[in-house]
Amino acid sequence: MNLILLGAPGAGKGTQAQRLAEELGLQHLSTGDILRKAVKSGTDLGAKAKGFMDAGELVPDRIIMEIIAERFNEDGGEEGYVFDGFPRTIPQAQALDELMVEFGLHLRAAVNISVAEEELINRLTGRRVCRSCGETYHMVYSPPSRLGLCNRCGGELMQRSDDTEETVRNRLEVYYRQTEPLLNYYEQKGLLENVSGDGSIEEVFSRVIGAVRG
């Protein structure tokens, strides 16, 4: 079984993808993980990707697809995959379609986790990180015991630069422009499953696994 998890930043794709992989015995693949593994392994493709990453540039689709093909070759694809945050654009989706045909893999569903924009902003702007130990908190969902201080080490909590409201709104705008068109792409293929991302992690997972198994 092969699945794609879609959703805006803050929708909870990573958490749900990891749970899906554990529940169904699939491999959890995110582009970030794939790129980091390729760089760490020191392959030629990893070295090419590292050059773009070190320069703060997006890794070209061609290199990403070659790295995914390399991963398919290593794994054989027998267990199946949960793709987390990939594809992000129509060209990436088309390239993934071609690659899966080449390896004899079939996509079961593309599950979209839907969350209202204001809730996404609340989720993303509420995150705080300890300057000392890196422990993460949320001012609404998992606040520290003492305001502004880490429970673990007592260090000062900070808001990351990419978690400010202005930056979050920019990230969402990029998502709406580049990634949201994928919903129509997979709907036309009869593969799209929409689920609500509201509620607890357990409640959302129940909807996601129900959509996949249904």
C-alpha atoms as a PDB file:
ATOM      1  CA  MET A   1       0.000   0.000   0.000  1.00  0.00           C
ATOM      2  CA  ASN A   2       1.245   3.477  -0.903  1.00  0.00           C
ATOM      3  CA  LEU A   3      -0.283   6.668   0.484  1.00  0.00           C
ATOM      4  CA  ILE A   4       0.228  10.415   0.162  1.00  0.00           C
ATOM      5  CA  LEU A   5      -0.604  12.793   3.023  1.00  0.00           C
ATOM      6  CA  LEU A   6      -1.527  16.316   1.984  1.00  0.00           C
ATOM      7  CA  GLY A   7      -2.340  19.409   4.009  1.00  0.00           C
ATOM      8  CA  ALA A   8      -1.195  22.930   4.762  1.00  0.00           C
ATOM      9  CA  PRO A   9       1.661  23.729   7.180  1.00  0.00           C
ATOM     10  CA  GLY A  10       0.379  23.067  10.691  1.00  0.00           C
ATOM     11  CA  ALA A  11      -2.229  20.507   9.607  1.00  0.00           C
ATOM     12  CA  GLY A  12      -0.355  17.691  11.352  1.00  0.00           C
ATOM     13  CA  LYS A  13       0.838  15.709   8.322  1.00  0.00           C
ATOM     14  CA  GLY A  14       4.084  14.571   9.921  1.00  0.00           C
ATOM     15  CA  THR A  15       2.448  13.251  13.084  1.00  0.00           C
ATOM     16  CA  GLN A  16      -0.292  11.424  11.188  1.00  0.00           C
ATOM     17  CA  ALA A  17       2.108  10.040   8.568  1.00  0.00           C
ATOM     18  CA  GLN A  18       4.297   8.539  11.278  1.00  0.00           C
ATOM     19  CA  ARG A  19       1.294   6.955  12.998  1.00  0.00           C
ATOM     20  CA  LEU A  20      -0.019   5.602   9.694  1.00  0.00           C
ATOM     21  CA  ALA A  21       3.341   4.052   8.885  1.00  0.00           C
ATOM     22  CA  GLU A  22       3.471   2.336  12.285  1.00  0.00           C
ATOM     23  CA  GLU A  23      -0.136   1.135  12.114  1.00  0.00           C
ATOM     24  CA  LEU A  24       0.071  -0.243   8.569  1.00  0.00           C
ATOM     25  CA  GLY A  25       3.697  -1.380   8.489  1.00  0.00           C
ATOM     26  CA  LEU A  26       4.701   1.159   5.853  1.00  0.00           C
ATOM     27  CA  GLN A  27       7.805   3.282   5.449  1.00  0.00           C
ATOM     28  CA  HIS A  28       7.429   6.958   6.334  1.00  0.00           C
ATOM     29  CA  LEU A  29       9.060   9.140   3.692  1.00  0.00           C
ATOM     30  CA  SER A  30       9.366  12.908   3.915  1.00  0.00           C
ATOM     31  CA  THR A  31      11.444  14.908   1.469  1.00  0.00           C
ATOM     32  CA  GLY A  32      13.441  16.333   4.372  1.00  0.00           C
ATOM     33  CA  ASP A  33      14.305  12.871   5.660  1.00  0.00           C
ATOM     34  CA  ILE A  34      15.119  11.634   2.165  1.00  0.00           C
ATOM     35  CA  LEU A  35      17.443  14.550   1.466  1.00  0.00           C
ATOM     36  CA  ARG A  36      19.177  14.326   4.854  1.00  0.00           C
ATOM     37  CA  LYS A  37      19.760  10.593   4.398  1.00  0.00           C
ATOM     38  CA  ALA A  38      21.157  11.106   0.897  1.00  0.00           C
ATOM     39  CA  VAL A  39      23.522  13.807   2.145  1.00  0.00           C
ATOM     40  CA  LYS A  40      24.636  11.700   5.116  1.00  0.00           C
ATOM     41  CA  SER A  41      25.263   8.649   2.929  1.00  0.00           C
ATOM     42  CA  GLY A  42      27.652  10.676   0.779  1.00  0.00           C
ATOM     43  CA  THR A  43      26.295   9.532  -2.582  1.00  0.00           C
ATOM     44  CA  ASP A  44      26.805  11.630  -5.705  1.00  0.00           C
ATOM     45  CA  LEU A  45      23.147  12.659  -5.595  1.00  0.00           C
ATOM     46  CA  GLY A  46      23.478  13.520  -1.921  1.00  0.00           C
ATOM     47  CA  ALA A  47      26.470  15.732  -2.694  1.00  0.00           C
ATOM     48  CA  LYS A  48      24.504  17.532  -5.410  1.00  0.00           C
ATOM     49  CA  ALA A  49      21.574  18.088  -3.056  1.00  0.00           C
ATOM     50  CA  LYS A  50      23.906  19.331  -0.301  1.00  0.00           C
ATOM     51  CA  GLY A  51      25.238  22.055  -2.581  1.00  0.00           C
ATOM     52  CA  PHE A  52      21.751  23.515  -3.023  1.00  0.00           C
ATOM     53  CA  MET A  53      20.829  23.065   0.647  1.00  0.00           C
ATOM     54  CA  ASP A  54      24.017  24.756   1.883  1.00  0.00           C
ATOM     55  CA  ALA A  55      23.295  27.686  -0.411  1.00  0.00           C
ATOM     56  CA  GLY A  56      19.766  27.999   1.010  1.00  0.00           C
ATOM     57  CA  GLU A  57      18.203  27.099  -2.328  1.00  0.00           C
ATOM     58  CA  LEU A  58      15.444  24.624  -3.165  1.00  0.00           C
ATOM     59  CA  VAL A  59      16.722  21.270  -4.382  1.00  0.00           C
ATOM     60  CA  PRO A  60      15.564  20.868  -8.016  1.00  0.00           C
ATOM     61  CA  ASP A  61      12.769  18.376  -8.698  1.00  0.00           C
ATOM     62  CA  ARG A  62      15.074  16.332 -10.924  1.00  0.00           C
ATOM     63  CA  ILE A  63      17.508  15.632  -8.085  1.00  0.00           C
ATOM     64  CA  ILE A  64      14.702  14.912  -5.603  1.00  0.00           C
ATOM     65  CA  MET A  65      13.152  12.384  -7.994  1.00  0.00           C
ATOM     66  CA  GLU A  66      16.511  10.707  -8.583  1.00  0.00           C
ATOM     67  CA  ILE A  67      17.018  10.398  -4.823  1.00  0.00           C
ATOM     68  CA  ILE A  68      13.535   8.885  -4.395  1.00  0.00           C
ATOM     69  CA  ALA A  69      14.288   6.435  -7.223  1.00  0.00           C
ATOM     70  CA  GLU A  70      17.510   5.547  -5.402  1.00  0.00           C
ATOM     71  CA  ARG A  71      15.459   4.894  -2.255  1.00  0.00           C
ATOM     72  CA  PHE A  72      13.015   2.693  -4.201  1.00  0.00           C
ATOM     73  CA  ASN A  73      15.956   0.714  -5.531  1.00  0.00           C
ATOM     74  CA  GLU A  74      17.320   0.198  -2.021  1.00  0.00           C
ATOM     75  CA  ASP A  75      14.010  -0.814  -0.452  1.00  0.00           C
ATOM     76  CA  GLY A  76      12.343  -2.640  -3.302  1.00  0.00           C
ATOM     77  CA  GLY A  77       9.086  -0.914  -2.358  1.00  0.00           C
ATOM     78  CA  GLU A  78       7.601  -4.131  -1.014  1.00  0.00           C
ATOM     79  CA  GLU A  79       6.432  -2.686   2.309  1.00  0.00           C
ATOM     80  CA  GLY A  80       4.869   0.399   0.753  1.00  0.00           C
ATOM     81  CA  TYR A  81       5.276   4.069   1.631  1.00  0.00           C
ATOM     82  CA  VAL A  82       3.558   7.004   3.285  1.00  0.00           C
ATOM     83  CA  PHE A  83       4.700  10.152   1.494  1.00  0.00           C
ATOM     84  CA  ASP A  84       4.703  13.110   3.897  1.00  0.00           C
ATOM     85  CA  GLY A  85       4.813  16.598   2.375  1.00  0.00           C
ATOM     86  CA  PHE A  86       5.606  15.249  -1.069  1.00  0.00           C
ATOM     87  CA  PRO A  87       4.680  15.873  -3.803  1.00  0.00           C
ATOM     88  CA  ARG A  88       4.296  19.638  -3.394  1.00  0.00           C
ATOM     89  CA  THR A  89       3.568  20.627  -6.977  1.00  0.00           C
ATOM     90  CA  ILE A  90       1.791  19.184 -10.019  1.00  0.00           C
ATOM     91  CA  PRO A  91       5.101  18.489 -11.836  1.00  0.00           C
ATOM     92  CA  GLN A  92       6.348  16.568  -8.780  1.00  0.00           C
ATOM     93  CA  ALA A  93       3.111  14.568  -8.683  1.00  0.00           C
ATOM     94  CA  GLN A  94       3.424  13.694 -12.370  1.00  0.00           C
ATOM     95  CA  ALA A  95       7.059  12.681 -11.919  1.00  0.00           C
ATOM     96  CA  LEU A  96       6.109  10.505  -8.933  1.00  0.00           C
ATOM     97  CA  ASP A  97       3.356   8.848 -11.013  1.00  0.00           C
ATOM     98  CA  GLU A  98       5.897   7.930 -13.675  1.00  0.00           C
ATOM     99  CA  LEU A  99       8.407   6.676 -11.124  1.00  0.00           C
ATOM    100  CA  MET A 100       5.823   4.493  -9.385  1.00  0.00           C
ATOM    101  CA  VAL A 101       4.805   2.948 -12.710  1.00  0.00           C
ATOM    102  CA  GLU A 102       8.458   2.237 -13.409  1.00  0.00           C
ATOM    103  CA  PHE A 103       8.816   0.387 -10.096  1.00  0.00           C
ATOM    104  CA  GLY A 104       5.435  -1.340 -10.294  1.00  0.00           C
ATOM    105  CA  LEU A 105       3.999   0.593  -7.332  1.00  0.00           C
ATOM    106  CA  HIS A 106       0.385   1.703  -6.995  1.00  0.00           C
ATOM    107  CA  LEU A 107      -1.037   4.658  -5.090  1.00  0.00           C
ATOM    108  CA  ARG A 108      -3.941   3.718  -2.811  1.00  0.00           C
ATOM    109  CA  ALA A 109      -5.038   7.218  -1.754  1.00  0.00           C
ATOM    110  CA  ALA A 110      -4.043  10.839  -1.279  1.00  0.00           C
ATOM    111  CA  VAL A 111      -5.420  11.913   2.110  1.00  0.00           C
ATOM    112  CA  ASN A 112      -5.887  15.646   2.636  1.00  0.00           C
ATOM    113  CA  ILE A 113      -6.005  16.862   6.244  1.00  0.00           C
ATOM    114  CA  SER A 114      -8.156  19.984   6.183  1.00  0.00           C
ATOM    115  CA  VAL A 115      -7.817  22.710   8.843  1.00  0.00           C
ATOM    116  CA  ALA A 116      -9.194  26.267   8.772  1.00  0.00           C
ATOM    117  CA  GLU A 117      -6.608  28.971   8.096  1.00  0.00           C
ATOM    118  CA  GLU A 118      -6.987  30.790  11.416  1.00  0.00           C
ATOM    119  CA  GLU A 119      -6.511  27.518  13.306  1.00  0.00           C
ATOM    120  CA  LEU A 120      -3.355  26.821  11.286  1.00  0.00           C
ATOM    121  CA  ILE A 121      -2.039  30.252  12.217  1.00  0.00           C
ATOM    122  CA  ASN A 122      -2.844  29.664  15.886  1.00  0.00           C
ATOM    123  CA  ARG A 123      -1.056  26.321  15.827  1.00  0.00           C
ATOM    124  CA  LEU A 124       2.071  27.612  14.126  1.00  0.00           C
ATOM    125  CA  THR A 125       2.438  30.953  15.905  1.00  0.00           C
ATOM    126  CA  GLY A 126       1.893  29.384  19.339  1.00  0.00           C
ATOM    127  CA  ARG A 127       5.040  27.253  19.195  1.00  0.00           C
ATOM    128  CA  ARG A 128       7.927  28.113  21.532  1.00  0.00           C
ATOM    129  CA  VAL A 129      11.378  26.511  21.724  1.00  0.00           C
ATOM    130  CA  CYS A 130      13.871  26.477  24.596  1.00  0.00           C
ATOM    131  CA  ARG A 131      17.068  28.364  23.703  1.00  0.00           C
ATOM    132  CA  SER A 132      19.136  26.003  25.867  1.00  0.00           C
ATOM    133  CA  CYS A 133      17.894  22.445  25.292  1.00  0.00           C
ATOM    134  CA  GLY A 134      15.552  22.722  22.294  1.00  0.00           C
ATOM    135  CA  GLU A 135      12.452  21.428  24.104  1.00  0.00           C
ATOM    136  CA  THR A 136       9.286  22.456  22.229  1.00  0.00           C
ATOM    137  CA  TYR A 137       6.060  23.831  23.719  1.00  0.00           C
ATOM    138  CA  HIS A 138       2.797  25.323  22.496  1.00  0.00           C
ATOM    139  CA  MET A 139       1.270  28.235  24.331  1.00  0.00           C
ATOM    140  CA  VAL A 140      -2.242  26.775  23.970  1.00  0.00           C
ATOM    141  CA  TYR A 141      -1.904  23.009  23.590  1.00  0.00           C
ATOM    142  CA  SER A 142       1.190  22.215  25.690  1.00  0.00           C
ATOM    143  CA  PRO A 143       2.277  25.318  27.626  1.00  0.00           C
ATOM    144  CA  PRO A 144       5.227  25.378  30.057  1.00  0.00           C
ATOM    145  CA  SER A 145       4.568  25.300  33.797  1.00  0.00           C
ATOM    146  CA  ARG A 146       6.210  28.708  34.199  1.00  0.00           C
ATOM    147  CA  LEU A 147       5.534  31.365  31.601  1.00  0.00           C
ATOM    148  CA  GLY A 148       8.485  31.797  29.258  1.00  0.00           C
ATOM    149  CA  LEU A 149      10.648  29.155  30.956  1.00  0.00           C
ATOM    150  CA  CYS A 150      11.465  25.569  29.996  1.00  0.00           C
ATOM    151  CA  ASN A 151      10.158  22.799  32.261  1.00  0.00           C
ATOM    152  CA  ARG A 152      13.220  20.665  31.589  1.00  0.00           C
ATOM    153  CA  CYS A 153      16.132  23.044  32.132  1.00  0.00           C
ATOM    154  CA  GLY A 154      14.649  26.413  33.088  1.00  0.00           C
ATOM    155  CA  GLY A 155      15.982  28.009  29.919  1.00  0.00           C
ATOM    156  CA  GLU A 156      14.334  30.923  28.147  1.00  0.00           C
ATOM    157  CA  LEU A 157      11.660  30.068  25.585  1.00  0.00           C
ATOM    158  CA  MET A 158      11.764  31.747  22.176  1.00  0.00           C
ATOM    159  CA  GLN A 159       9.582  31.985  19.109  1.00  0.00           C
ATOM    160  CA  ARG A 160      11.371  30.818  15.961  1.00  0.00           C
ATOM    161  CA  SER A 161      11.603  33.323  13.134  1.00  0.00           C
ATOM    162  CA  ASP A 162       9.580  31.067  10.839  1.00  0.00           C
ATOM    163  CA  ASP A 163       6.758  30.898  13.413  1.00  0.00           C
ATOM    164  CA  THR A 164       5.848  34.597  13.387  1.00  0.00           C
ATOM    165  CA  GLU A 165       2.410  35.440  11.998  1.00  0.00           C
ATOM    166  CA  GLU A 166       3.817  37.252   8.963  1.00  0.00           C
ATOM    167  CA  THR A 167       6.051  34.327   8.053  1.00  0.00           C
ATOM    168  CA  VAL A 168       3.283  31.793   8.684  1.00  0.00           C
ATOM    169  CA  ARG A 169       0.880  33.684   6.420  1.00  0.00           C
ATOM    170  CA  ASN A 170       3.555  33.756   3.713  1.00  0.00           C
ATOM    171  CA  ARG A 171       4.071  29.994   4.079  1.00  0.00           C
ATOM    172  CA  LEU A 172       0.339  29.440   3.733  1.00  0.00           C
ATOM    173  CA  GLU A 173       0.206  31.645   0.648  1.00  0.00           C
ATOM    174  CA  VAL A 174       2.935  29.535  -0.968  1.00  0.00           C
ATOM    175  CA  TYR A 175       0.963  26.408  -0.069  1.00  0.00           C
ATOM    176  CA  TYR A 176      -2.270  27.746  -1.602  1.00  0.00           C
ATOM    177  CA  ARG A 177      -0.453  28.729  -4.775  1.00  0.00           C
ATOM    178  CA  GLN A 178       1.799  25.706  -5.313  1.00  0.00           C
ATOM    179  CA  THR A 179       0.396  22.736  -3.412  1.00  0.00           C
ATOM    180  CA  GLU A 180      -3.375  23.142  -3.103  1.00  0.00           C
ATOM    181  CA  PRO A 181      -3.843  22.428  -6.861  1.00  0.00           C
ATOM    182  CA  LEU A 182      -2.796  18.851  -6.030  1.00  0.00           C
ATOM    183  CA  LEU A 183      -6.203  18.331  -4.422  1.00  0.00           C
ATOM    184  CA  ASN A 184      -7.911  18.661  -7.802  1.00  0.00           C
ATOM    185  CA  TYR A 185      -5.183  16.576  -9.449  1.00  0.00           C
ATOM    186  CA  TYR A 186      -5.813  13.588  -7.185  1.00  0.00           C
ATOM    187  CA  GLU A 187      -9.568  14.126  -7.102  1.00  0.00           C
ATOM    188  CA  GLN A 188      -9.670  13.733 -10.873  1.00  0.00           C
ATOM    189  CA  LYS A 189      -7.827  10.440 -10.455  1.00  0.00           C
ATOM    190  CA  GLY A 190     -10.405   9.268  -7.887  1.00  0.00           C
ATOM    191  CA  LEU A 191      -7.725   9.037  -5.188  1.00  0.00           C
ATOM    192  CA  LEU A 192      -8.474  12.032  -2.956  1.00  0.00           C
ATOM    193  CA  GLU A 193      -9.810  11.526   0.579  1.00  0.00           C
ATOM    194  CA  ASN A 194     -10.612  14.651   2.608  1.00  0.00           C
ATOM    195  CA  VAL A 195     -10.612  14.443   6.404  1.00  0.00           C
ATOM    196  CA  SER A 196     -11.004  17.087   9.096  1.00  0.00           C
ATOM    197  CA  GLY A 197      -7.843  17.945  10.996  1.00  0.00           C
ATOM    198  CA  ASP A 198      -9.770  19.386  13.958  1.00  0.00           C
ATOM    199  CA  GLY A 199      -9.606  17.701  17.357  1.00  0.00           C
ATOM    200  CA  SER A 200      -7.005  15.599  19.133  1.00  0.00           C
ATOM    201  CA  ILE A 201      -4.258  13.617  17.406  1.00  0.00           C
ATOM    202  CA  GLU A 202      -6.196  10.438  18.169  1.00  0.00           C
ATOM    203  CA  GLU A 203      -9.431  11.809  16.702  1.00  0.00           C
ATOM    204  CA  VAL A 204      -7.713  12.920  13.508  1.00  0.00           C
ATOM    205  CA  PHE A 205      -5.904   9.599  13.194  1.00  0.00           C
ATOM    206  CA  SER A 206      -9.205   7.743  13.492  1.00  0.00           C
ATOM    207  CA  ARG A 207     -10.524   9.709  10.523  1.00  0.00           C
ATOM    208  CA  VAL A 208      -7.355   9.226   8.501  1.00  0.00           C
ATOM    209  CA  ILE A 209      -7.133   5.465   9.025  1.00  0.00           C
ATOM    210  CA  GLY A 210     -10.861   5.189   8.333  1.00  0.00           C
ATOM    211  CA  ALA A 211     -10.438   6.997   5.008  1.00  0.00           C
ATOM    212  CA  VAL A 212      -7.529   4.749   4.037  1.00  0.00           C
ATOM    213  CA  ARG A 213      -9.256   1.512   4.985  1.00  0.00           C
ATOM    214  CA  GLY A 214     -12.648   2.576   3.695  1.00  0.00           C
END
